[in-house]
């Protein structure tokens, strides 16, 4: 069972930047697509960004397009989310997730992912 561990969350002022990391265990990291989701209090978990297994293809929610960048380093078994121009409405717990082994293409719905990290809190103050 692949374990996912997020890091990099914290408190930042509006307009600031943060970089989240998601480290995966195991030796099959390059064999599945991955994604970032977030959940604010009282709201459903929502899609933020996704990246294909090779890293060639990416997809973003409209709300973060142009401000967030998803990437992955398959040699380091790590995925990243660079967040810039942060807004108070970006405040949420951010989760990384992986698709099943062999599912290399991007997906935007949580049901298409089979493992999740524990989440990291991002708080943007106004």
Protein backbone atom coordinates (compact mmCIF):
# COMPACT_ATOMS: atom_id res chain seq x y z
CA UNK A 1 0.00 0.00 0.00
CA UNK A 2 1.48 3.33 -1.08
CA UNK A 3 1.73 5.91 1.67
CA UNK A 4 1.44 9.61 0.82
CA UNK A 5 2.76 12.32 3.12
CA UNK A 6 2.11 16.01 2.51
CA UNK A 7 4.22 18.86 3.87
CA UNK A 8 4.71 22.57 3.35
CA UNK A 9 1.45 24.00 4.58
CA UNK A 10 1.26 26.98 6.91
CA UNK A 11 0.01 30.49 7.50
CA UNK A 12 0.69 33.12 4.84
CA UNK A 13 -0.60 36.58 4.05
CA UNK A 14 -2.72 37.23 1.00
CA UNK A 15 -0.51 37.61 -2.04
CA UNK A 16 2.11 35.29 -0.61
CA UNK A 17 3.40 31.94 -1.79
CA UNK A 18 3.75 28.40 -0.49
CA UNK A 19 5.01 25.16 -1.95
CA UNK A 20 3.41 21.91 -0.93
CA UNK A 21 5.16 18.58 -1.30
CA UNK A 22 3.75 15.06 -1.39
CA UNK A 23 6.17 12.20 -0.85
CA UNK A 24 5.12 8.71 -1.86
CA UNK A 25 6.47 5.39 -0.66
CA UNK A 26 7.16 2.45 -2.93
CA UNK A 27 8.85 1.92 -6.28
CA UNK A 28 5.99 2.53 -8.70
CA UNK A 29 5.65 6.30 -8.44
CA UNK A 30 6.02 6.87 -12.19
CA UNK A 31 3.19 4.44 -12.94
CA UNK A 32 0.21 6.50 -11.82
CA UNK A 33 -1.22 9.96 -12.17
CA UNK A 34 -1.62 12.14 -9.10
CA UNK A 35 -3.62 15.11 -7.95
CA UNK A 36 -4.17 17.77 -5.35
CA UNK A 37 -7.53 18.42 -3.71
CA UNK A 38 -8.60 20.75 -0.94
CA UNK A 39 -11.39 20.95 1.59
CA UNK A 40 -12.48 24.06 3.44
CA UNK A 41 -14.61 23.89 6.60
CA UNK A 42 -18.22 23.08 5.77
CA UNK A 43 -17.45 22.44 2.12
CA UNK A 44 -16.94 19.38 -0.02
CA UNK A 45 -13.51 18.26 -1.14
CA UNK A 46 -12.70 19.95 -4.43
CA UNK A 47 -10.25 19.37 -7.24
CA UNK A 48 -7.25 21.69 -7.42
CA UNK A 49 -4.78 20.22 -9.92
CA UNK A 50 -3.69 16.94 -11.47
CA UNK A 51 -0.66 15.63 -13.29
CA UNK A 52 -0.13 12.62 -15.51
CA UNK A 53 2.25 9.83 -14.57
CA UNK A 54 5.05 11.15 -16.77
CA UNK A 55 4.42 14.75 -15.77
CA UNK A 56 3.71 15.75 -19.36
CA UNK A 57 0.08 16.68 -18.87
CA UNK A 58 -1.50 18.86 -16.19
CA UNK A 59 -4.95 20.19 -15.42
CA UNK A 60 -6.14 22.91 -13.04
CA UNK A 61 -9.33 24.11 -11.48
CA UNK A 62 -10.38 27.46 -12.90
CA UNK A 63 -10.06 29.03 -9.47
CA UNK A 64 -6.29 28.36 -9.32
CA UNK A 65 -5.31 28.51 -12.98
CA UNK A 66 -2.44 30.91 -13.52
CA UNK A 67 -1.56 30.98 -9.81
CA UNK A 68 -0.78 27.36 -8.95
CA UNK A 69 1.66 25.00 -10.66
CA UNK A 70 1.68 21.25 -10.20
CA UNK A 71 4.81 19.23 -10.90
CA UNK A 72 6.43 15.94 -10.01
CA UNK A 73 9.91 14.50 -9.73
CA UNK A 74 9.64 10.78 -10.41
CA UNK A 75 13.25 10.22 -9.38
CA UNK A 76 12.40 11.55 -5.92
CA UNK A 77 8.92 10.03 -5.63
CA UNK A 78 7.58 13.50 -4.91
CA UNK A 79 4.84 15.72 -6.27
CA UNK A 80 4.66 19.47 -5.70
CA UNK A 81 2.13 22.27 -5.73
CA UNK A 82 3.62 25.75 -6.08
CA UNK A 83 1.03 28.28 -4.96
CA UNK A 84 1.43 31.99 -5.70
CA UNK A 85 -0.78 35.05 -5.28
CA UNK A 86 -2.64 33.26 -2.53
CA UNK A 87 -6.08 34.47 -1.55
CA UNK A 88 -8.07 34.00 1.66
CA UNK A 89 -10.45 31.74 -0.26
CA UNK A 90 -7.55 29.33 -0.82
CA UNK A 91 -7.63 28.52 2.89
CA UNK A 92 -8.28 24.79 3.28
CA UNK A 93 -6.73 21.45 4.11
CA UNK A 94 -4.84 20.31 1.03
CA UNK A 95 -4.65 16.62 0.19
CA UNK A 96 -2.54 14.77 -2.33
CA UNK A 97 -3.89 11.65 -3.93
CA UNK A 98 -2.81 8.93 -6.33
CA UNK A 99 -4.61 6.94 -8.97
CA UNK A 100 -4.33 3.16 -9.07
CA UNK A 101 -1.21 1.56 -10.50
CA UNK A 102 -1.23 1.80 -14.30
CA UNK A 103 -3.78 4.63 -14.44
CA UNK A 104 -1.48 7.20 -15.97
CA UNK A 105 -3.93 9.84 -17.17
CA UNK A 106 -5.33 12.83 -15.36
CA UNK A 107 -8.57 12.60 -13.41
CA UNK A 108 -10.48 15.35 -11.63
CA UNK A 109 -12.96 13.46 -9.45
CA UNK A 110 -11.98 12.14 -6.00
CA UNK A 111 -13.56 8.76 -6.79
CA UNK A 112 -10.83 8.17 -9.38
CA UNK A 113 -8.12 8.16 -6.71
CA UNK A 114 -7.39 5.22 -4.44
CA UNK A 115 -5.01 6.61 -1.82
CA UNK A 116 -4.80 9.90 0.03
CA UNK A 117 -2.40 11.71 2.29
CA UNK A 118 -3.34 12.98 5.72
CA UNK A 119 -3.63 16.58 4.54
CA UNK A 120 -1.77 19.79 5.29
CA UNK A 121 -3.41 23.01 6.43
CA UNK A 122 -3.02 26.15 4.33
CA UNK A 123 -4.30 29.37 5.89
CA UNK A 124 -4.25 32.65 3.99
CA UNK A 125 -4.87 35.76 6.04
CA UNK A 126 -6.31 38.94 4.56
